């Protein structure tokens, strides 16, 4: 397992959809990474240095990360992933 600190600028026009997906559990039902992604996004925080960005820790159990990165790119504009 790898841990990544993710920093992304939320796409404001999609935040309501993200909240609905989190509240309904839709994200947690995604396989294979839904539960971990749901937990990460529920625990995301606003970046103190730049409030336009959110930050969260992401667990990664699989390779490649392509599916998860595509989903996150749909919801947010990634700045960096370490």
C-alpha atoms as a PDB file:
ATOM      1  CA  UNK A   1       0.000   0.000   0.000  1.00  0.00           C
ATOM      2  CA  UNK A   2       1.154   3.509  -0.778  1.00  0.00           C
ATOM      3  CA  UNK A   3      -0.085   6.777   0.713  1.00  0.00           C
ATOM      4  CA  UNK A   4      -0.291   9.953  -1.355  1.00  0.00           C
ATOM      5  CA  UNK A   5      -0.915  13.506  -0.264  1.00  0.00           C
ATOM      6  CA  UNK A   6      -3.236  14.890  -2.908  1.00  0.00           C
ATOM      7  CA  UNK A   7      -3.851  18.589  -3.463  1.00  0.00           C
ATOM      8  CA  UNK A   8      -6.516  19.650  -5.932  1.00  0.00           C
ATOM      9  CA  UNK A   9      -8.643  22.627  -6.815  1.00  0.00           C
ATOM     10  CA  UNK A  10     -12.293  21.571  -6.608  1.00  0.00           C
ATOM     11  CA  UNK A  11     -14.434  22.265  -9.634  1.00  0.00           C
ATOM     12  CA  UNK A  12     -17.006  24.445  -7.895  1.00  0.00           C
ATOM     13  CA  UNK A  13     -19.717  23.580 -10.407  1.00  0.00           C
ATOM     14  CA  UNK A  14     -19.411  19.904  -9.386  1.00  0.00           C
ATOM     15  CA  UNK A  15     -19.212  20.236  -5.588  1.00  0.00           C
ATOM     16  CA  UNK A  16     -22.955  19.664  -5.133  1.00  0.00           C
ATOM     17  CA  UNK A  17     -22.702  16.471  -7.202  1.00  0.00           C
ATOM     18  CA  UNK A  18     -19.702  15.329  -5.153  1.00  0.00           C
ATOM     19  CA  UNK A  19     -21.599  15.940  -1.914  1.00  0.00           C
ATOM     20  CA  UNK A  20     -24.590  13.968  -3.218  1.00  0.00           C
ATOM     21  CA  UNK A  21     -22.338  11.083  -4.291  1.00  0.00           C
ATOM     22  CA  UNK A  22     -20.609  11.036  -0.904  1.00  0.00           C
ATOM     23  CA  UNK A  23     -23.899  11.267   1.029  1.00  0.00           C
ATOM     24  CA  UNK A  24     -25.521   8.484  -0.980  1.00  0.00           C
ATOM     25  CA  UNK A  25     -22.507   6.175  -0.671  1.00  0.00           C
ATOM     26  CA  UNK A  26     -22.172   6.008  -4.450  1.00  0.00           C
ATOM     27  CA  UNK A  27     -18.406   6.471  -4.323  1.00  0.00           C
ATOM     28  CA  UNK A  28     -17.920   3.805  -1.665  1.00  0.00           C
ATOM     29  CA  UNK A  29     -19.654   1.268  -3.941  1.00  0.00           C
ATOM     30  CA  UNK A  30     -17.042   1.719  -6.673  1.00  0.00           C
ATOM     31  CA  UNK A  31     -14.678  -1.217  -7.026  1.00  0.00           C
ATOM     32  CA  UNK A  32     -11.935  -1.773  -6.151  1.00  0.00           C
ATOM     33  CA  UNK A  33     -11.096   1.536  -4.446  1.00  0.00           C
ATOM     34  CA  UNK A  34     -14.459   3.018  -3.443  1.00  0.00           C
ATOM     35  CA  UNK A  35     -14.281   2.669   0.335  1.00  0.00           C
ATOM     36  CA  UNK A  36     -10.795   4.193   0.558  1.00  0.00           C
ATOM     37  CA  UNK A  37     -11.700   7.047  -1.803  1.00  0.00           C
ATOM     38  CA  UNK A  38     -14.940   7.775   0.066  1.00  0.00           C
ATOM     39  CA  UNK A  39     -13.020   7.966   3.360  1.00  0.00           C
ATOM     40  CA  UNK A  40     -10.330  10.189   1.837  1.00  0.00           C
ATOM     41  CA  UNK A  41     -12.776  12.660   0.313  1.00  0.00           C
ATOM     42  CA  UNK A  42     -14.928  12.795   3.451  1.00  0.00           C
ATOM     43  CA  UNK A  43     -11.799  13.734   5.390  1.00  0.00           C
ATOM     44  CA  UNK A  44     -10.447  16.261   2.875  1.00  0.00           C
ATOM     45  CA  UNK A  45      -9.470  19.654   4.246  1.00  0.00           C
ATOM     46  CA  UNK A  46      -9.085  23.119   2.770  1.00  0.00           C
ATOM     47  CA  UNK A  47      -5.426  24.043   2.278  1.00  0.00           C
ATOM     48  CA  UNK A  48      -4.471  26.690   4.856  1.00  0.00           C
ATOM     49  CA  UNK A  49      -1.947  28.257   2.473  1.00  0.00           C
ATOM     50  CA  UNK A  50      -4.296  28.418  -0.509  1.00  0.00           C
ATOM     51  CA  UNK A  51      -8.024  28.105   0.270  1.00  0.00           C
ATOM     52  CA  UNK A  52      -8.799  27.453  -3.411  1.00  0.00           C
ATOM     53  CA  UNK A  53      -7.369  23.944  -2.917  1.00  0.00           C
ATOM     54  CA  UNK A  54      -8.430  20.893  -0.961  1.00  0.00           C
ATOM     55  CA  UNK A  55      -5.989  18.322   0.413  1.00  0.00           C
ATOM     56  CA  UNK A  56      -6.417  14.723   1.477  1.00  0.00           C
ATOM     57  CA  UNK A  57      -4.439  11.554   2.053  1.00  0.00           C
ATOM     58  CA  UNK A  58      -5.169   8.808  -0.402  1.00  0.00           C
ATOM     59  CA  UNK A  59      -4.508   5.110   0.093  1.00  0.00           C
ATOM     60  CA  UNK A  60      -3.494   3.201  -2.994  1.00  0.00           C
ATOM     61  CA  UNK A  61      -3.607  -0.574  -3.045  1.00  0.00           C
ATOM     62  CA  UNK A  62      -3.457  -1.107  -6.766  1.00  0.00           C
ATOM     63  CA  UNK A  63      -1.409  -0.209  -9.782  1.00  0.00           C
ATOM     64  CA  UNK A  64      -1.915   1.571 -12.041  1.00  0.00           C
ATOM     65  CA  UNK A  65      -3.826   4.396 -10.381  1.00  0.00           C
ATOM     66  CA  UNK A  66      -5.450   5.330 -13.696  1.00  0.00           C
ATOM     67  CA  UNK A  67      -9.114   4.725 -12.764  1.00  0.00           C
ATOM     68  CA  UNK A  68      -8.957   6.677  -9.530  1.00  0.00           C
ATOM     69  CA  UNK A  69      -7.021   9.552 -11.104  1.00  0.00           C
ATOM     70  CA  UNK A  70      -9.585   9.790 -13.914  1.00  0.00           C
ATOM     71  CA  UNK A  71     -12.410  10.017 -11.382  1.00  0.00           C
ATOM     72  CA  UNK A  72     -10.617  12.676  -9.354  1.00  0.00           C
ATOM     73  CA  UNK A  73      -9.782  14.620 -12.516  1.00  0.00           C
ATOM     74  CA  UNK A  74     -13.493  14.647 -13.317  1.00  0.00           C
ATOM     75  CA  UNK A  75     -14.322  16.207  -9.950  1.00  0.00           C
ATOM     76  CA  UNK A  76     -11.280  18.390  -9.422  1.00  0.00           C
ATOM     77  CA  UNK A  77      -8.292  19.859 -11.154  1.00  0.00           C
ATOM     78  CA  UNK A  78      -5.235  18.137  -9.743  1.00  0.00           C
ATOM     79  CA  UNK A  79      -2.269  20.308  -8.859  1.00  0.00           C
ATOM     80  CA  UNK A  80       0.106  17.648  -7.639  1.00  0.00           C
ATOM     81  CA  UNK A  81       0.207  14.123  -6.421  1.00  0.00           C
ATOM     82  CA  UNK A  82       3.129  12.862  -4.356  1.00  0.00           C
END
